[in-house]
Amino acid sequence: MTKYFLWISLSVVFVVSPFFGSVTLEINEIFLNNSLHNTIFTQLRLPRLLFAFFAGSILALSGLVFQTLFRNPLMTPYTLGISSGAVLGAGIAIKLGFLGLIFGISMVSVFGFFGAILTVFLLLYLSRFLKGAHQESLLLLGIALSLFYTSALMIVFYLGDTIQNDMLLRFTMGSLSIIGWQNPIILGLIFLVLFLSVYLYRYELELLNVSEEGSHLKGLNSKNITLLLLIVSSFSIGFLVSISGPIGFIGLVVPHIVTKLYPLTLKNRILKTALFGGLFLVMCDTFTRVIQTQSELPIGIITALIGGPFFIYLIISRSKRV
């Protein structure tokens, strides 16, 4: 009963979400061409709704991939420093004044993407020197990289002028405010690539989730599959973060909620995790627009308020089982 109530509630929020915001929309005005309400609905609210949905789906699915590949419930692109790498890359682009487009893509997005990808390869390289508790050491390595990136970002803040720092500050808090359909369409295509990649390797992920040794015995080339899925996930996260800024903890919280609701095999949770992640972030975004403040509350603050206590709960629950 609980899971059906959750799905129905999230679906209702998804449907009514475009009607919430600083401007109250009149349904009759929405269908009038060239009216203000029609422009707001078609060029702001609907694109934002789809952008939030695809962003939440990418974050949740990437979290599931990282937790499965490393067999650690605390592993996400956020906790491993990949999101921080993308933020630093975008911050460097802002500081250098690279605000133009290249092949129709923002230079800030390009720098953010390379920041995420370089972090992945750095983690893979450094993981070769880890011994013993590999997963725990890799998590600590990711946290150390996040702290390093944060310090580097503070240097960028220190060297930047007022306008650059204001742009960077708003960027680091996360935002789903977009105009037009370009970003939602591109993000939807990226989500499709990520979903198909994960779904095609669903049986291999099931084996890797149990044991890497067992997957080797069954003739599975775990290194190639791990590298492929990490690159696809990191590409997706890098592009997302470079547009929206960091949106933390969705990849941590949602896979665990879906696992609680559906304690099935992993391959049966892939689609549910993607859908739940998208609906969950739409709910968080709707909440930021419902609250009446002087300016819109950044989405990254809401997800951090939810994910921070949940992260503490996971750490405590894991320590009790040890």
C-alpha atoms as a PDB file:
ATOM      1  CA  MET A   1       0.000   0.000   0.000  1.00  0.00           C
ATOM      2  CA  THR A   2       2.836   2.405   0.889  1.00  0.00           C
ATOM      3  CA  LYS A   3       4.561   2.081  -2.467  1.00  0.00           C
ATOM      4  CA  TYR A   4       1.345   2.666  -4.420  1.00  0.00           C
ATOM      5  CA  PHE A   5       0.637   5.771  -2.338  1.00  0.00           C
ATOM      6  CA  LEU A   6       4.144   7.059  -3.061  1.00  0.00           C
ATOM      7  CA  TRP A   7       3.858   6.499  -6.795  1.00  0.00           C
ATOM      8  CA  ILE A   8       0.408   8.110  -6.967  1.00  0.00           C
ATOM      9  CA  SER A   9       1.538  11.109  -4.899  1.00  0.00           C
ATOM     10  CA  LEU A  10       4.656  11.673  -7.000  1.00  0.00           C
ATOM     11  CA  SER A  11       2.659  11.303 -10.233  1.00  0.00           C
ATOM     12  CA  VAL A  12       0.100  13.877  -9.059  1.00  0.00           C
ATOM     13  CA  VAL A  13       2.907  16.303  -8.198  1.00  0.00           C
ATOM     14  CA  PHE A  14       4.397  15.729 -11.665  1.00  0.00           C
ATOM     15  CA  VAL A  15       1.097  16.655 -13.345  1.00  0.00           C
ATOM     16  CA  VAL A  16       0.397  19.795 -11.289  1.00  0.00           C
ATOM     17  CA  SER A  17       4.018  20.981 -11.031  1.00  0.00           C
ATOM     18  CA  PRO A  18       3.943  23.271 -14.124  1.00  0.00           C
ATOM     19  CA  PHE A  19       1.152  25.307 -12.557  1.00  0.00           C
ATOM     20  CA  PHE A  20       3.204  26.328  -9.498  1.00  0.00           C
ATOM     21  CA  GLY A  21       5.520  29.310  -9.474  1.00  0.00           C
ATOM     22  CA  SER A  22       5.781  33.043  -8.948  1.00  0.00           C
ATOM     23  CA  VAL A  23       3.120  33.566 -11.644  1.00  0.00           C
ATOM     24  CA  THR A  24      -0.237  31.815 -11.218  1.00  0.00           C
ATOM     25  CA  LEU A  25      -1.303  30.430 -14.579  1.00  0.00           C
ATOM     26  CA  GLU A  26      -4.854  30.563 -15.883  1.00  0.00           C
ATOM     27  CA  ILE A  27      -5.747  27.353 -17.707  1.00  0.00           C
ATOM     28  CA  ASN A  28      -7.811  29.214 -20.307  1.00  0.00           C
ATOM     29  CA  GLU A  29      -4.881  31.543 -21.040  1.00  0.00           C
ATOM     30  CA  ILE A  30      -2.438  28.674 -21.535  1.00  0.00           C
ATOM     31  CA  PHE A  31      -4.021  27.601 -24.832  1.00  0.00           C
ATOM     32  CA  LEU A  32      -4.073  31.107 -26.319  1.00  0.00           C
ATOM     33  CA  ASN A  33      -1.192  31.558 -28.744  1.00  0.00           C
ATOM     34  CA  ASN A  34       1.182  34.453 -28.053  1.00  0.00           C
ATOM     35  CA  SER A  35      -0.313  35.045 -24.623  1.00  0.00           C
ATOM     36  CA  LEU A  36       1.982  35.569 -21.641  1.00  0.00           C
ATOM     37  CA  HIS A  37       0.635  32.501 -19.854  1.00  0.00           C
ATOM     38  CA  ASN A  38       1.140  30.358 -22.967  1.00  0.00           C
ATOM     39  CA  THR A  39       4.767  31.522 -23.240  1.00  0.00           C
ATOM     40  CA  ILE A  40       5.450  30.853 -19.560  1.00  0.00           C
ATOM     41  CA  PHE A  41       3.892  27.402 -19.757  1.00  0.00           C
ATOM     42  CA  THR A  42       5.499  26.239 -23.012  1.00  0.00           C
ATOM     43  CA  GLN A  43       8.903  27.927 -22.776  1.00  0.00           C
ATOM     44  CA  LEU A  44       9.566  27.862 -19.010  1.00  0.00           C
ATOM     45  CA  ARG A  45       7.393  25.485 -17.017  1.00  0.00           C
ATOM     46  CA  LEU A  46       7.173  22.446 -19.328  1.00  0.00           C
ATOM     47  CA  PRO A  47      10.882  22.466 -20.311  1.00  0.00           C
ATOM     48  CA  ARG A  48      11.797  22.814 -16.638  1.00  0.00           C
ATOM     49  CA  LEU A  49       9.519  19.912 -15.713  1.00  0.00           C
ATOM     50  CA  LEU A  50      11.151  17.588 -18.237  1.00  0.00           C
ATOM     51  CA  PHE A  51      14.630  18.842 -17.389  1.00  0.00           C
ATOM     52  CA  ALA A  52      14.027  18.101 -13.689  1.00  0.00           C
ATOM     53  CA  PHE A  53      12.632  14.652 -14.519  1.00  0.00           C
ATOM     54  CA  PHE A  54      15.560  13.636 -16.729  1.00  0.00           C
ATOM     55  CA  ALA A  55      18.047  15.113 -14.247  1.00  0.00           C
ATOM     56  CA  GLY A  56      16.578  13.106 -11.371  1.00  0.00           C
ATOM     57  CA  SER A  57      16.535   9.954 -13.500  1.00  0.00           C
ATOM     58  CA  ILE A  58      20.198  10.384 -14.467  1.00  0.00           C
ATOM     59  CA  LEU A  59      21.258  11.065 -10.873  1.00  0.00           C
ATOM     60  CA  ALA A  60      19.338   8.076  -9.497  1.00  0.00           C
ATOM     61  CA  LEU A  61      20.462   5.669 -12.221  1.00  0.00           C
ATOM     62  CA  SER A  62      24.089   6.775 -11.920  1.00  0.00           C
ATOM     63  CA  GLY A  63      23.892   6.262  -8.168  1.00  0.00           C
ATOM     64  CA  LEU A  64      22.568   2.736  -8.708  1.00  0.00           C
ATOM     65  CA  VAL A  65      25.415   2.000 -11.143  1.00  0.00           C
ATOM     66  CA  PHE A  66      28.130   3.250  -8.780  1.00  0.00           C
ATOM     67  CA  GLN A  67      26.685   1.428  -5.760  1.00  0.00           C
ATOM     68  CA  THR A  68      26.470  -1.787  -7.789  1.00  0.00           C
ATOM     69  CA  LEU A  69      29.899  -1.659  -9.418  1.00  0.00           C
ATOM     70  CA  PHE A  70      31.673  -0.881  -6.135  1.00  0.00           C
ATOM     71  CA  ARG A  71      29.254  -2.937  -3.981  1.00  0.00           C
ATOM     72  CA  ASN A  72      29.019  -0.065  -1.515  1.00  0.00           C
ATOM     73  CA  PRO A  73      25.712   1.708  -0.662  1.00  0.00           C
ATOM     74  CA  LEU A  74      27.551   4.989  -0.031  1.00  0.00           C
ATOM     75  CA  MET A  75      29.070   5.247  -3.508  1.00  0.00           C
ATOM     76  CA  THR A  76      27.612   7.922  -5.772  1.00  0.00           C
ATOM     77  CA  PRO A  77      29.099  10.402  -8.263  1.00  0.00           C
ATOM     78  CA  TYR A  78      28.523  13.037  -5.570  1.00  0.00           C
ATOM     79  CA  THR A  79      30.390  11.270  -2.753  1.00  0.00           C
ATOM     80  CA  LEU A  80      33.216  10.180  -5.080  1.00  0.00           C
ATOM     81  CA  GLY A  81      33.971  13.778  -6.061  1.00  0.00           C
ATOM     82  CA  ILE A  82      32.850  13.505  -9.688  1.00  0.00           C
ATOM     83  CA  SER A  83      30.218  16.229  -9.260  1.00  0.00           C
ATOM     84  CA  SER A  84      32.814  18.412  -7.504  1.00  0.00           C
ATOM     85  CA  GLY A  85      35.181  17.914 -10.440  1.00  0.00           C
ATOM     86  CA  ALA A  86      32.484  19.077 -12.826  1.00  0.00           C
ATOM     87  CA  VAL A  87      31.799  22.136 -10.640  1.00  0.00           C
ATOM     88  CA  LEU A  88      35.484  23.045 -10.563  1.00  0.00           C
ATOM     89  CA  GLY A  89      35.719  22.706 -14.337  1.00  0.00           C
ATOM     90  CA  ALA A  90      32.701  24.957 -14.803  1.00  0.00           C
ATOM     91  CA  GLY A  91      34.120  27.428 -12.265  1.00  0.00           C
ATOM     92  CA  ILE A  92      37.392  27.654 -14.185  1.00  0.00           C
ATOM     93  CA  ALA A  93      35.447  28.372 -17.381  1.00  0.00           C
ATOM     94  CA  ILE A  94      33.532  31.165 -15.640  1.00  0.00           C
ATOM     95  CA  LYS A  95      36.725  32.634 -14.209  1.00  0.00           C
ATOM     96  CA  LEU A  96      38.477  32.593 -17.595  1.00  0.00           C
ATOM     97  CA  GLY A  97      35.465  34.225 -19.223  1.00  0.00           C
ATOM     98  CA  PHE A  98      34.698  31.248 -21.484  1.00  0.00           C
ATOM     99  CA  LEU A  99      30.961  31.895 -21.578  1.00  0.00           C
ATOM    100  CA  GLY A 100      30.388  31.384 -25.297  1.00  0.00           C
ATOM    101  CA  LEU A 101      29.294  28.373 -27.323  1.00  0.00           C
ATOM    102  CA  ILE A 102      31.264  25.725 -29.171  1.00  0.00           C
ATOM    103  CA  PHE A 103      29.287  23.622 -31.661  1.00  0.00           C
ATOM    104  CA  GLY A 104      26.158  24.917 -29.979  1.00  0.00           C
ATOM    105  CA  ILE A 105      27.267  23.752 -26.510  1.00  0.00           C
ATOM    106  CA  SER A 106      28.172  26.119 -23.691  1.00  0.00           C
ATOM    107  CA  MET A 107      31.881  26.264 -22.882  1.00  0.00           C
ATOM    108  CA  VAL A 108      30.945  26.059 -19.197  1.00  0.00           C
ATOM    109  CA  SER A 109      29.279  22.706 -19.953  1.00  0.00           C
ATOM    110  CA  VAL A 110      32.351  21.513 -21.858  1.00  0.00           C
ATOM    111  CA  PHE A 111      34.689  22.383 -18.979  1.00  0.00           C
ATOM    112  CA  GLY A 112      32.293  20.777 -16.477  1.00  0.00           C
ATOM    113  CA  PHE A 113      32.165  17.598 -18.529  1.00  0.00           C
ATOM    114  CA  PHE A 114      35.945  17.302 -18.721  1.00  0.00           C
ATOM    115  CA  GLY A 115      36.177  17.984 -14.988  1.00  0.00           C
ATOM    116  CA  ALA A 116      33.920  14.991 -14.324  1.00  0.00           C
ATOM    117  CA  ILE A 117      35.653  12.692 -16.802  1.00  0.00           C
ATOM    118  CA  LEU A 118      39.153  13.565 -15.537  1.00  0.00           C
ATOM    119  CA  THR A 119      38.006  12.784 -11.999  1.00  0.00           C
ATOM    120  CA  VAL A 120      36.798   9.334 -13.075  1.00  0.00           C
ATOM    121  CA  PHE A 121      40.102   8.478 -14.731  1.00  0.00           C
ATOM    122  CA  LEU A 122      41.992   9.847 -11.725  1.00  0.00           C
ATOM    123  CA  LEU A 123      39.940   7.620  -9.413  1.00  0.00           C
ATOM    124  CA  LEU A 124      40.507   4.599 -11.633  1.00  0.00           C
ATOM    125  CA  TYR A 125      44.250   5.273 -11.735  1.00  0.00           C
ATOM    126  CA  LEU A 126      44.606   5.826  -7.983  1.00  0.00           C
ATOM    127  CA  SER A 127      42.454   2.781  -7.207  1.00  0.00           C
ATOM    128  CA  ARG A 128      45.243   0.601  -8.613  1.00  0.00           C
ATOM    129  CA  PHE A 129      47.328   1.463  -5.556  1.00  0.00           C
ATOM    130  CA  LEU A 130      44.590   0.597  -3.056  1.00  0.00           C
ATOM    131  CA  LYS A 131      44.787  -2.650  -1.166  1.00  0.00           C
ATOM    132  CA  GLY A 132      42.659  -4.299   1.497  1.00  0.00           C
ATOM    133  CA  ALA A 133      39.287  -2.601   1.968  1.00  0.00           C
ATOM    134  CA  HIS A 134      39.132  -1.357  -1.595  1.00  0.00           C
ATOM    135  CA  GLN A 135      35.627   0.109  -1.556  1.00  0.00           C
ATOM    136  CA  GLU A 136      36.055   2.004   1.705  1.00  0.00           C
ATOM    137  CA  SER A 137      39.443   3.340   0.602  1.00  0.00           C
ATOM    138  CA  LEU A 138      38.008   4.480  -2.714  1.00  0.00           C
ATOM    139  CA  LEU A 139      35.200   6.306  -0.912  1.00  0.00           C
ATOM    140  CA  LEU A 140      37.735   8.106   1.284  1.00  0.00           C
ATOM    141  CA  LEU A 141      39.733   8.911  -1.832  1.00  0.00           C
ATOM    142  CA  GLY A 142      36.645  10.468  -3.403  1.00  0.00           C
ATOM    143  CA  ILE A 143      35.992  12.537  -0.293  1.00  0.00           C
ATOM    144  CA  ALA A 144      39.616  13.722  -0.336  1.00  0.00           C
ATOM    145  CA  LEU A 145      39.264  14.754  -3.983  1.00  0.00           C
ATOM    146  CA  SER A 146      36.057  16.641  -3.136  1.00  0.00           C
ATOM    147  CA  LEU A 147      37.887  18.575  -0.425  1.00  0.00           C
ATOM    148  CA  PHE A 148      40.725  19.337  -2.828  1.00  0.00           C
ATOM    149  CA  TYR A 149      38.296  20.556  -5.488  1.00  0.00           C
ATOM    150  CA  THR A 150      36.494  22.687  -2.918  1.00  0.00           C
ATOM    151  CA  SER A 151      39.782  24.324  -1.918  1.00  0.00           C
ATOM    152  CA  ALA A 152      40.650  24.948  -5.577  1.00  0.00           C
ATOM    153  CA  LEU A 153      37.198  26.454  -6.084  1.00  0.00           C
ATOM    154  CA  MET A 154      37.822  28.815  -3.164  1.00  0.00           C
ATOM    155  CA  ILE A 155      40.951  30.036  -4.961  1.00  0.00           C
ATOM    156  CA  VAL A 156      38.826  30.701  -8.041  1.00  0.00           C
ATOM    157  CA  PHE A 157      36.416  32.645  -5.804  1.00  0.00           C
ATOM    158  CA  TYR A 158      39.311  34.654  -4.358  1.00  0.00           C
ATOM    159  CA  LEU A 159      40.672  35.555  -7.793  1.00  0.00           C
ATOM    160  CA  GLY A 160      37.288  36.323  -9.353  1.00  0.00           C
ATOM    161  CA  ASP A 161      35.491  39.643  -9.575  1.00  0.00           C
ATOM    162  CA  THR A 162      32.044  40.362  -8.146  1.00  0.00           C
ATOM    163  CA  ILE A 163      30.105  39.305 -11.236  1.00  0.00           C
ATOM    164  CA  GLN A 164      32.064  36.080 -11.682  1.00  0.00           C
ATOM    165  CA  ASN A 165      31.724  35.191  -8.009  1.00  0.00           C
ATOM    166  CA  ASP A 166      27.992  35.808  -8.103  1.00  0.00           C
ATOM    167  CA  MET A 167      27.651  33.504 -11.129  1.00  0.00           C
ATOM    168  CA  LEU A 168      29.807  30.869  -9.475  1.00  0.00           C
ATOM    169  CA  LEU A 169      27.969  31.077  -6.144  1.00  0.00           C
ATOM    170  CA  ARG A 170      24.606  30.590  -7.803  1.00  0.00           C
ATOM    171  CA  PHE A 171      26.028  27.761  -9.885  1.00  0.00           C
ATOM    172  CA  THR A 172      27.396  25.849  -6.877  1.00  0.00           C
ATOM    173  CA  MET A 173      23.985  25.862  -5.161  1.00  0.00           C
ATOM    174  CA  GLY A 174      22.289  24.099  -8.070  1.00  0.00           C
ATOM    175  CA  SER A 175      19.397  25.303 -10.183  1.00  0.00           C
ATOM    176  CA  LEU A 176      16.874  23.851 -12.604  1.00  0.00           C
ATOM    177  CA  SER A 177      15.935  27.231 -14.103  1.00  0.00           C
ATOM    178  CA  ILE A 178      16.176  26.941 -17.877  1.00  0.00           C
ATOM    179  CA  ILE A 179      14.576  28.588 -20.893  1.00  0.00           C
ATOM    180  CA  GLY A 180      13.502  26.709 -24.013  1.00  0.00           C
ATOM    181  CA  TRP A 181      13.682  23.079 -25.071  1.00  0.00           C
ATOM    182  CA  GLN A 182      17.329  22.607 -26.053  1.00  0.00           C
ATOM    183  CA  ASN A 183      18.661  21.432 -22.684  1.00  0.00           C
ATOM    184  CA  PRO A 184      15.704  19.103 -21.871  1.00  0.00           C
ATOM    185  CA  ILE A 185      15.968  17.444 -25.285  1.00  0.00           C
ATOM    186  CA  ILE A 186      19.738  16.944 -25.022  1.00  0.00           C
ATOM    187  CA  LEU A 187      19.413  15.696 -21.447  1.00  0.00           C
ATOM    188  CA  GLY A 188      16.631  13.322 -22.508  1.00  0.00           C
ATOM    189  CA  LEU A 189      18.892  11.833 -25.183  1.00  0.00           C
ATOM    190  CA  ILE A 190      21.723  11.471 -22.665  1.00  0.00           C
ATOM    191  CA  PHE A 191      19.366   9.743 -20.235  1.00  0.00           C
ATOM    192  CA  LEU A 192      18.282   7.373 -23.006  1.00  0.00           C
ATOM    193  CA  VAL A 193      21.917   6.422 -23.702  1.00  0.00           C
ATOM    194  CA  LEU A 194      22.574   5.894 -19.992  1.00  0.00           C
ATOM    195  CA  PHE A 195      19.423   3.837 -19.482  1.00  0.00           C
ATOM    196  CA  LEU A 196      20.062   1.616 -22.519  1.00  0.00           C
ATOM    197  CA  SER A 197      23.680   1.073 -21.434  1.00  0.00           C
ATOM    198  CA  VAL A 198      22.632   0.019 -17.947  1.00  0.00           C
ATOM    199  CA  TYR A 199      19.731  -2.107 -19.206  1.00  0.00           C
ATOM    200  CA  LEU A 200      21.845  -3.928 -21.794  1.00  0.00           C
ATOM    201  CA  TYR A 201      24.294  -4.933 -19.051  1.00  0.00           C
ATOM    202  CA  ARG A 202      21.633  -5.674 -16.432  1.00  0.00           C
ATOM    203  CA  TYR A 203      22.588  -9.340 -16.087  1.00  0.00           C
ATOM    204  CA  GLU A 204      26.290  -8.498 -15.817  1.00  0.00           C
ATOM    205  CA  LEU A 205      25.494  -5.875 -13.169  1.00  0.00           C
ATOM    206  CA  GLU A 206      23.532  -8.503 -11.271  1.00  0.00           C
ATOM    207  CA  LEU A 207      26.624 -10.710 -11.158  1.00  0.00           C
ATOM    208  CA  LEU A 208      28.936  -7.830 -10.231  1.00  0.00           C
ATOM    209  CA  ASN A 209      26.567  -6.813  -7.452  1.00  0.00           C
ATOM    210  CA  VAL A 210      27.046 -10.216  -5.805  1.00  0.00           C
ATOM    211  CA  SER A 211      30.761 -10.779  -6.236  1.00  0.00           C
ATOM    212  CA  GLU A 212      33.524  -9.759  -8.615  1.00  0.00           C
ATOM    213  CA  GLU A 213      35.192 -13.158  -8.151  1.00  0.00           C
ATOM    214  CA  GLY A 214      31.966 -14.927  -9.094  1.00  0.00           C
ATOM    215  CA  SER A 215      31.627 -12.819 -12.227  1.00  0.00           C
ATOM    216  CA  HIS A 216      35.180 -13.775 -13.243  1.00  0.00           C
ATOM    217  CA  LEU A 217      34.331 -17.457 -12.811  1.00  0.00           C
ATOM    218  CA  LYS A 218      31.429 -17.028 -15.211  1.00  0.00           C
ATOM    219  CA  GLY A 219      33.780 -15.505 -17.806  1.00  0.00           C
ATOM    220  CA  LEU A 220      32.647 -11.906 -17.341  1.00  0.00           C
ATOM    221  CA  ASN A 221      35.101  -9.182 -18.346  1.00  0.00           C
ATOM    222  CA  SER A 222      34.320  -7.006 -15.354  1.00  0.00           C
ATOM    223  CA  LYS A 223      37.008  -4.378 -16.006  1.00  0.00           C
ATOM    224  CA  ASN A 224      35.706  -3.437 -19.454  1.00  0.00           C
ATOM    225  CA  ILE A 225      32.086  -3.366 -18.323  1.00  0.00           C
ATOM    226  CA  THR A 226      32.965  -1.307 -15.246  1.00  0.00           C
ATOM    227  CA  LEU A 227      34.971   1.176 -17.306  1.00  0.00           C
ATOM    228  CA  LEU A 228      32.221   1.520 -19.923  1.00  0.00           C
ATOM    229  CA  LEU A 229      29.429   2.118 -17.402  1.00  0.00           C
ATOM    230  CA  LEU A 230      31.553   4.510 -15.353  1.00  0.00           C
ATOM    231  CA  ILE A 231      32.370   6.593 -18.435  1.00  0.00           C
ATOM    232  CA  VAL A 232      28.734   6.703 -19.612  1.00  0.00           C
ATOM    233  CA  SER A 233      27.509   7.597 -16.105  1.00  0.00           C
ATOM    234  CA  SER A 234      30.211  10.222 -15.644  1.00  0.00           C
ATOM    235  CA  PHE A 235      29.475  11.740 -19.044  1.00  0.00           C
ATOM    236  CA  SER A 236      25.816  12.035 -18.059  1.00  0.00           C
ATOM    237  CA  ILE A 237      26.618  13.539 -14.651  1.00  0.00           C
ATOM    238  CA  GLY A 238      29.247  15.873 -16.107  1.00  0.00           C
ATOM    239  CA  PHE A 239      26.837  17.302 -18.664  1.00  0.00           C
ATOM    240  CA  LEU A 240      24.040  17.635 -16.105  1.00  0.00           C
ATOM    241  CA  VAL A 241      26.181  19.320 -13.441  1.00  0.00           C
ATOM    242  CA  SER A 242      27.699  21.694 -15.980  1.00  0.00           C
ATOM    243  CA  ILE A 243      24.191  23.028 -16.716  1.00  0.00           C
ATOM    244  CA  SER A 244      22.386  22.779 -13.390  1.00  0.00           C
ATOM    245  CA  GLY A 245      25.232  22.864 -10.895  1.00  0.00           C
ATOM    246  CA  PRO A 246      25.620  20.149  -8.244  1.00  0.00           C
ATOM    247  CA  ILE A 247      22.420  18.435  -7.104  1.00  0.00           C
ATOM    248  CA  GLY A 248      23.568  16.111  -4.364  1.00  0.00           C
ATOM    249  CA  PHE A 249      22.231  12.991  -2.696  1.00  0.00           C
ATOM    250  CA  ILE A 250      19.530  12.029  -5.238  1.00  0.00           C
ATOM    251  CA  GLY A 251      21.823   9.235  -6.403  1.00  0.00           C
ATOM    252  CA  LEU A 252      22.270   8.167  -2.785  1.00  0.00           C
ATOM    253  CA  VAL A 253      18.703   8.341  -1.502  1.00  0.00           C
ATOM    254  CA  VAL A 254      16.584   7.093  -4.402  1.00  0.00           C
ATOM    255  CA  PRO A 255      18.262   3.689  -5.060  1.00  0.00           C
ATOM    256  CA  HIS A 256      17.863   2.819  -1.373  1.00  0.00           C
ATOM    257  CA  ILE A 257      14.200   3.842  -1.330  1.00  0.00           C
ATOM    258  CA  VAL A 258      13.478   1.743  -4.421  1.00  0.00           C
ATOM    259  CA  THR A 259      15.366  -1.204  -2.908  1.00  0.00           C
ATOM    260  CA  LYS A 260      13.199  -0.958   0.223  1.00  0.00           C
ATOM    261  CA  LEU A 261      10.036  -0.827  -1.876  1.00  0.00           C
ATOM    262  CA  TYR A 262      11.105  -3.563  -4.286  1.00  0.00           C
ATOM    263  CA  PRO A 263      13.543  -6.039  -2.697  1.00  0.00           C
ATOM    264  CA  LEU A 264      13.881  -7.824  -6.020  1.00  0.00           C
ATOM    265  CA  THR A 265      16.801  -8.566  -8.268  1.00  0.00           C
ATOM    266  CA  LEU A 266      18.734  -5.541  -9.460  1.00  0.00           C
ATOM    267  CA  LYS A 267      17.693  -5.879 -13.104  1.00  0.00           C
ATOM    268  CA  ASN A 268      14.063  -5.399 -12.084  1.00  0.00           C
ATOM    269  CA  ARG A 269      14.841  -2.150 -10.261  1.00  0.00           C
ATOM    270  CA  ILE A 270      16.564  -0.278 -13.097  1.00  0.00           C
ATOM    271  CA  LEU A 271      13.456   1.268 -14.671  1.00  0.00           C
ATOM    272  CA  LYS A 272      11.801   1.857 -11.294  1.00  0.00           C
ATOM    273  CA  THR A 273      14.899   3.662 -10.018  1.00  0.00           C
ATOM    274  CA  ALA A 274      15.011   5.938 -13.065  1.00  0.00           C
ATOM    275  CA  LEU A 275      11.299   6.802 -12.850  1.00  0.00           C
ATOM    276  CA  PHE A 276      11.347   7.326  -9.083  1.00  0.00           C
ATOM    277  CA  GLY A 277      14.444   9.530  -9.328  1.00  0.00           C
ATOM    278  CA  GLY A 278      12.828  11.729 -11.956  1.00  0.00           C
ATOM    279  CA  LEU A 279       9.559  12.098 -10.039  1.00  0.00           C
ATOM    280  CA  PHE A 280      11.403  12.668  -6.759  1.00  0.00           C
ATOM    281  CA  LEU A 281      13.452  15.568  -8.145  1.00  0.00           C
ATOM    282  CA  VAL A 282      10.319  17.076  -9.725  1.00  0.00           C
ATOM    283  CA  MET A 283       8.734  16.990  -6.268  1.00  0.00           C
ATOM    284  CA  CYS A 284      11.771  18.738  -4.734  1.00  0.00           C
ATOM    285  CA  ASP A 285      11.753  21.339  -7.506  1.00  0.00           C
ATOM    286  CA  THR A 286       8.036  21.984  -7.033  1.00  0.00           C
ATOM    287  CA  PHE A 287       8.676  22.512  -3.332  1.00  0.00           C
ATOM    288  CA  THR A 288      11.304  25.189  -4.076  1.00  0.00           C
ATOM    289  CA  ARG A 289       8.772  27.086  -6.201  1.00  0.00           C
ATOM    290  CA  VAL A 290       5.918  26.751  -3.712  1.00  0.00           C
ATOM    291  CA  ILE A 291       7.917  28.402  -0.919  1.00  0.00           C
ATOM    292  CA  GLN A 292       7.435  32.146  -1.126  1.00  0.00           C
ATOM    293  CA  THR A 293      10.877  33.744  -0.746  1.00  0.00           C
ATOM    294  CA  GLN A 294      12.548  36.829  -2.223  1.00  0.00           C
ATOM    295  CA  SER A 295      14.288  34.620  -4.751  1.00  0.00           C
ATOM    296  CA  GLU A 296      13.873  30.994  -5.737  1.00  0.00           C
ATOM    297  CA  LEU A 297      15.376  28.525  -3.274  1.00  0.00           C
ATOM    298  CA  PRO A 298      18.233  26.584  -4.960  1.00  0.00           C
ATOM    299  CA  ILE A 299      17.380  22.946  -5.579  1.00  0.00           C
ATOM    300  CA  GLY A 300      20.765  21.811  -4.238  1.00  0.00           C
ATOM    301  CA  ILE A 301      19.834  23.096  -0.768  1.00  0.00           C
ATOM    302  CA  ILE A 302      16.631  21.021  -0.667  1.00  0.00           C
ATOM    303  CA  THR A 303      18.307  17.793  -1.790  1.00  0.00           C
ATOM    304  CA  ALA A 304      21.155  18.326   0.690  1.00  0.00           C
ATOM    305  CA  LEU A 305      18.667  18.818   3.538  1.00  0.00           C
ATOM    306  CA  ILE A 306      17.070  15.486   2.613  1.00  0.00           C
ATOM    307  CA  GLY A 307      20.237  13.596   1.734  1.00  0.00           C
ATOM    308  CA  GLY A 308      22.482  14.735   4.614  1.00  0.00           C
ATOM    309  CA  PRO A 309      20.504  13.012   7.405  1.00  0.00           C
ATOM    310  CA  PHE A 310      19.962   9.986   5.144  1.00  0.00           C
ATOM    311  CA  PHE A 311      23.728   9.707   4.583  1.00  0.00           C
ATOM    312  CA  ILE A 312      24.280   9.765   8.370  1.00  0.00           C
ATOM    313  CA  TYR A 313      21.627   7.059   8.776  1.00  0.00           C
ATOM    314  CA  LEU A 314      23.370   4.825   6.220  1.00  0.00           C
ATOM    315  CA  ILE A 315      26.744   5.214   7.938  1.00  0.00           C
ATOM    316  CA  ILE A 316      25.269   4.362  11.356  1.00  0.00           C
ATOM    317  CA  SER A 317      23.284   1.399  10.023  1.00  0.00           C
ATOM    318  CA  ARG A 318      26.376   0.017   8.267  1.00  0.00           C
ATOM    319  CA  SER A 319      28.469   0.339  11.448  1.00  0.00           C
ATOM    320  CA  LYS A 320      25.876  -1.675  13.392  1.00  0.00           C
ATOM    321  CA  ARG A 321      26.114  -4.541  10.933  1.00  0.00           C
ATOM    322  CA  VAL A 322      29.900  -4.716  11.153  1.00  0.00           C
END
